[in-house]
Amino acid sequence: MPHQGIFGIPRYDALLVIALAIQAWMLSTKLETFDEFKAICLFHIVGLVLEIFKTSSGIKSWSYPDFAYTKIMGVPLFSGFMYAAVGSYLIQAWRLLQLRIIHHPPYWMATLIAVMIYINFFTHHFIGDYRWYIAACILGLYARSSVVFYPYDRERSMPLLLAFILIGFFIWLAENISTFFKIWQYPNQIGVWSAVHIGKWSSWSLLVIMAFTIIANLKHIKQRIHIPE
């Protein structure tokens, strides 16, 4: 996307139009069901609230430097779709790769951890960062969990924790590309671009766990999740 936008439309607004068009196409072609769409909308809202907080004047973790008509409190509305895309990816992977989860923890435990992850994204600015304590809990909670998938000709599997880490890594790579083109910027990237701190990889992996927890509560996906008695 050119920095100046396209056809006179600022690039943040153009990105929003493109994201809405893709979402409408996925619904119309039934690549996503309406129930899946509602789950993705929830993740969209969760992401947008986080963006508004992180870019606020008292926090300034990052910023969106360009003008846009579709900004709310300094955050362009397309940013919520970046979070929603993570949820959409998980849904499509579940369908296309025929995912099954073995030894998933009880839903209430997984939900509690997801809530703790989200809260820590806000509170670490005031009372300290407890992500590694949360990560230790996640390690114990998902230690036995594995994901079974069917990529081509036969079933394969991997530890679920490894899947979270790998997805987080590729999102971190995508973030580096986005900041290189100044879609958004961290304070240390103003003036001269530098790679996003490797510590953000852990943040994205935790965010993937949040998205996974939301998506896992869809009825048709629950049928593919085994929870030990």
Protein backbone atom coordinates (compact mmCIF):
# COMPACT_ATOMS: atom_id res chain seq x y z
CA MET A 1 0.00 0.00 0.00
CA PRO A 2 1.60 3.34 -1.08
CA HIS A 3 2.34 5.73 1.76
CA GLN A 4 0.15 8.41 0.18
CA GLY A 5 -2.79 6.01 -0.22
CA ILE A 6 -4.65 5.17 -3.43
CA PHE A 7 -7.10 7.21 -5.54
CA GLY A 8 -6.89 10.01 -3.03
CA ILE A 9 -7.96 7.75 -0.16
CA PRO A 10 -5.58 7.79 2.84
CA ARG A 11 -3.90 4.41 3.20
CA TYR A 12 -5.40 3.60 6.62
CA ASP A 13 -8.87 4.19 5.19
CA ALA A 14 -8.01 2.18 2.07
CA LEU A 15 -6.78 -0.70 4.25
CA LEU A 16 -10.10 -0.61 6.12
CA VAL A 17 -12.08 -0.77 2.87
CA ILE A 18 -9.96 -3.72 1.69
CA ALA A 19 -10.38 -5.53 5.03
CA LEU A 20 -14.17 -5.03 4.95
CA ALA A 21 -14.33 -6.28 1.35
CA ILE A 22 -12.35 -9.42 2.23
CA GLN A 23 -14.57 -10.06 5.25
CA ALA A 24 -17.74 -9.65 3.17
CA TRP A 25 -16.34 -12.01 0.54
CA MET A 26 -15.49 -14.67 3.13
CA LEU A 27 -19.04 -14.52 4.51
CA SER A 28 -20.71 -14.54 1.10
CA THR A 29 -18.66 -17.55 -0.06
CA LYS A 30 -19.22 -19.31 3.30
CA LEU A 31 -15.50 -19.50 4.03
CA GLU A 32 -16.66 -18.26 7.41
CA THR A 33 -19.98 -18.99 9.08
CA PHE A 34 -21.92 -16.31 10.92
CA ASP A 35 -20.97 -17.88 14.28
CA GLU A 36 -17.30 -17.75 13.27
CA PHE A 37 -17.78 -14.15 12.19
CA LYS A 38 -19.15 -13.26 15.63
CA ALA A 39 -16.11 -14.82 17.32
CA ILE A 40 -13.81 -12.84 15.03
CA CYS A 41 -15.74 -9.63 15.77
CA LEU A 42 -15.15 -10.25 19.48
CA PHE A 43 -11.43 -10.55 18.87
CA HIS A 44 -11.61 -7.40 16.70
CA ILE A 45 -13.09 -5.46 19.63
CA VAL A 46 -10.57 -6.91 22.08
CA GLY A 47 -7.74 -5.83 19.78
CA LEU A 48 -9.13 -2.35 19.15
CA VAL A 49 -9.52 -1.63 22.87
CA LEU A 50 -5.93 -2.75 23.40
CA GLU A 51 -4.75 -0.50 20.57
CA ILE A 52 -6.56 2.54 22.00
CA PHE A 53 -4.93 1.96 25.39
CA LYS A 54 -1.43 1.30 24.05
CA THR A 55 -1.41 4.40 21.82
CA SER A 56 -2.95 6.72 24.44
CA SER A 57 -1.04 9.82 25.55
CA GLY A 58 -0.10 8.27 28.89
CA ILE A 59 1.30 5.05 27.42
CA LYS A 60 2.54 5.68 23.85
CA SER A 61 3.81 2.14 23.26
CA TRP A 62 3.44 2.77 19.52
CA SER A 63 1.67 5.19 17.21
CA TYR A 64 -0.11 5.49 13.86
CA PRO A 65 1.51 8.55 12.26
CA ASP A 66 -0.66 8.97 9.14
CA PHE A 67 -3.90 10.86 8.75
CA ALA A 68 -7.13 8.88 8.41
CA TYR A 69 -10.82 9.69 8.42
CA THR A 70 -11.56 6.41 10.20
CA LYS A 71 -9.56 6.94 13.36
CA ILE A 72 -10.94 6.54 16.89
CA MET A 73 -8.84 8.16 19.60
CA GLY A 74 -5.82 8.09 17.31
CA VAL A 75 -6.28 4.45 16.24
CA PRO A 76 -7.37 3.59 12.68
CA LEU A 77 -10.25 1.14 12.58
CA PHE A 78 -8.40 -1.21 10.25
CA SER A 79 -6.07 -2.11 13.14
CA GLY A 80 -8.75 -4.28 14.72
CA PHE A 81 -8.71 -6.42 11.59
CA MET A 82 -5.06 -7.26 12.21
CA TYR A 83 -6.10 -8.98 15.42
CA ALA A 84 -9.19 -10.46 13.78
CA ALA A 85 -6.93 -11.94 11.09
CA VAL A 86 -5.25 -14.08 13.74
CA GLY A 87 -8.61 -15.52 14.75
CA SER A 88 -9.59 -15.99 11.11
CA TYR A 89 -6.35 -17.86 10.44
CA LEU A 90 -7.03 -20.24 13.32
CA ILE A 91 -10.56 -20.91 12.08
CA GLN A 92 -9.36 -21.60 8.53
CA ALA A 93 -6.54 -23.83 9.80
CA TRP A 94 -9.05 -25.81 11.86
CA ARG A 95 -11.15 -26.39 8.78
CA LEU A 96 -8.55 -26.88 6.05
CA LEU A 97 -6.08 -28.92 8.09
CA GLN A 98 -8.80 -30.83 9.98
CA LEU A 99 -7.27 -29.90 13.33
CA ARG A 100 -7.92 -31.91 16.47
CA ILE A 101 -6.69 -31.00 19.94
CA ILE A 102 -5.64 -33.78 22.31
CA HIS A 103 -5.52 -33.26 26.09
CA HIS A 104 -6.85 -29.72 26.04
CA PRO A 105 -7.18 -28.28 29.58
CA PRO A 106 -10.68 -27.64 30.99
CA TYR A 107 -12.31 -24.65 29.31
CA TRP A 108 -12.60 -22.64 32.54
CA MET A 109 -8.86 -22.93 33.14
CA ALA A 110 -8.02 -21.94 29.56
CA THR A 111 -10.43 -18.98 29.79
CA LEU A 112 -8.93 -17.83 33.10
CA ILE A 113 -5.43 -17.86 31.59
CA ALA A 114 -6.65 -15.93 28.51
CA VAL A 115 -8.22 -13.27 30.75
CA MET A 116 -4.99 -13.00 32.76
CA ILE A 117 -3.00 -12.52 29.55
CA TYR A 118 -5.30 -9.72 28.43
CA ILE A 119 -5.30 -7.96 31.78
CA ASN A 120 -1.49 -8.09 31.95
CA PHE A 121 -1.25 -6.25 28.63
CA PHE A 122 -2.80 -3.29 30.47
CA THR A 123 -1.57 -3.60 34.04
CA HIS A 124 2.13 -4.17 33.33
CA HIS A 125 2.43 -0.42 32.74
CA PHE A 126 1.45 0.18 36.36
CA ILE A 127 2.22 -2.84 38.57
CA GLY A 128 4.90 -4.76 36.66
CA ASP A 129 4.99 -7.31 33.87
CA TYR A 130 3.86 -10.76 34.99
CA ARG A 131 3.92 -12.40 31.55
CA TRP A 132 6.58 -14.92 32.53
CA TYR A 133 4.58 -16.05 35.57
CA ILE A 134 1.57 -16.42 33.29
CA ALA A 135 3.78 -18.25 30.77
CA ALA A 136 4.84 -20.68 33.52
CA CYS A 137 1.16 -21.40 34.24
CA ILE A 138 0.55 -21.90 30.52
CA LEU A 139 3.47 -24.31 30.34
CA GLY A 140 1.92 -26.47 33.04
CA LEU A 141 -1.62 -26.14 31.70
CA TYR A 142 -0.81 -27.10 28.10
CA ALA A 143 2.16 -29.42 28.76
CA ARG A 144 0.24 -32.53 27.63
CA SER A 145 -1.72 -30.83 24.86
CA SER A 146 -0.99 -31.61 21.23
CA VAL A 147 -2.50 -30.59 17.91
CA VAL A 148 -3.20 -33.20 15.24
CA PHE A 149 -3.49 -31.94 11.67
CA TYR A 150 -3.80 -33.34 8.16
CA PRO A 151 -1.68 -31.16 5.84
CA TYR A 152 -1.55 -33.42 2.80
CA ASP A 153 -1.47 -37.20 2.77
CA ARG A 154 -1.36 -38.27 6.41
CA GLU A 155 -1.93 -37.03 9.92
CA ARG A 156 0.84 -35.25 11.75
CA SER A 157 1.05 -33.78 15.21
CA MET A 158 3.06 -31.35 17.32
CA PRO A 159 2.88 -29.99 20.87
CA LEU A 160 0.25 -27.28 21.07
CA LEU A 161 2.67 -24.99 22.87
CA LEU A 162 5.06 -25.22 19.91
CA ALA A 163 2.22 -24.22 17.58
CA PHE A 164 1.53 -21.12 19.69
CA ILE A 165 5.21 -20.15 19.62
CA LEU A 166 5.59 -20.66 15.87
CA ILE A 167 2.47 -18.65 15.01
CA GLY A 168 3.67 -15.88 17.32
CA PHE A 169 7.02 -15.85 15.51
CA PHE A 170 5.48 -15.40 12.08
CA ILE A 171 3.24 -12.60 13.38
CA TRP A 172 6.40 -10.95 14.77
CA LEU A 173 7.96 -11.18 11.30
CA ALA A 174 4.83 -9.61 9.78
CA GLU A 175 5.04 -6.84 12.38
CA ASN A 176 8.59 -6.08 11.26
CA ILE A 177 7.39 -5.74 7.67
CA SER A 178 4.51 -3.46 8.73
CA THR A 179 6.71 -1.17 10.79
CA PHE A 180 9.30 -1.05 7.98
CA PHE A 181 6.59 0.48 5.78
CA LYS A 182 5.53 2.73 8.70
CA ILE A 183 2.02 1.36 9.03
CA TRP A 184 2.68 1.95 12.71
CA GLN A 185 5.83 2.84 14.62
CA TYR A 186 7.43 2.15 17.95
CA PRO A 187 9.23 5.09 19.60
CA ASN A 188 12.67 3.69 18.68
CA GLN A 189 11.65 3.46 15.00
CA ILE A 190 10.89 7.14 14.50
CA GLY A 191 13.46 8.60 12.14
CA VAL A 192 15.37 5.41 11.38
CA TRP A 193 13.72 1.98 11.23
CA SER A 194 15.01 -0.82 13.44
CA ALA A 195 13.78 -4.36 13.96
CA VAL A 196 10.97 -4.89 16.44
CA HIS A 197 12.38 -6.06 19.77
CA ILE A 198 12.50 -9.84 19.99
CA GLY A 199 10.54 -9.62 23.25
CA LYS A 200 7.43 -8.81 21.19
CA TRP A 201 7.52 -12.43 20.00
CA SER A 202 6.38 -13.53 23.46
CA SER A 203 3.58 -10.95 23.41
CA TRP A 204 2.30 -12.23 20.08
CA SER A 205 2.47 -15.85 21.24
CA LEU A 206 0.38 -14.93 24.28
CA LEU A 207 -2.06 -13.11 22.02
CA VAL A 208 -2.35 -16.25 19.88
CA ILE A 209 -3.35 -18.19 23.00
CA MET A 210 -6.07 -15.60 23.64
CA ALA A 211 -7.37 -15.95 20.09
CA PHE A 212 -7.18 -19.74 20.28
CA THR A 213 -9.26 -19.73 23.48
CA ILE A 214 -11.97 -17.58 21.90
CA ILE A 215 -12.11 -19.72 18.75
CA ALA A 216 -12.03 -22.99 20.71
CA ASN A 217 -15.41 -22.17 22.22
CA LEU A 218 -17.21 -22.43 18.88
CA LYS A 219 -19.60 -25.38 18.96
CA HIS A 220 -18.37 -27.15 15.83
CA ILE A 221 -14.74 -26.75 16.93
CA LYS A 222 -15.42 -28.12 20.40
CA GLN A 223 -16.20 -31.46 18.74
CA ARG A 224 -12.55 -31.69 17.75
CA ILE A 225 -11.16 -30.95 21.22
CA HIS A 226 -10.48 -33.72 23.67
CA ILE A 227 -10.46 -32.80 27.36
CA PRO A 228 -9.27 -35.58 29.71
CA GLU A 229 -11.66 -36.66 32.43
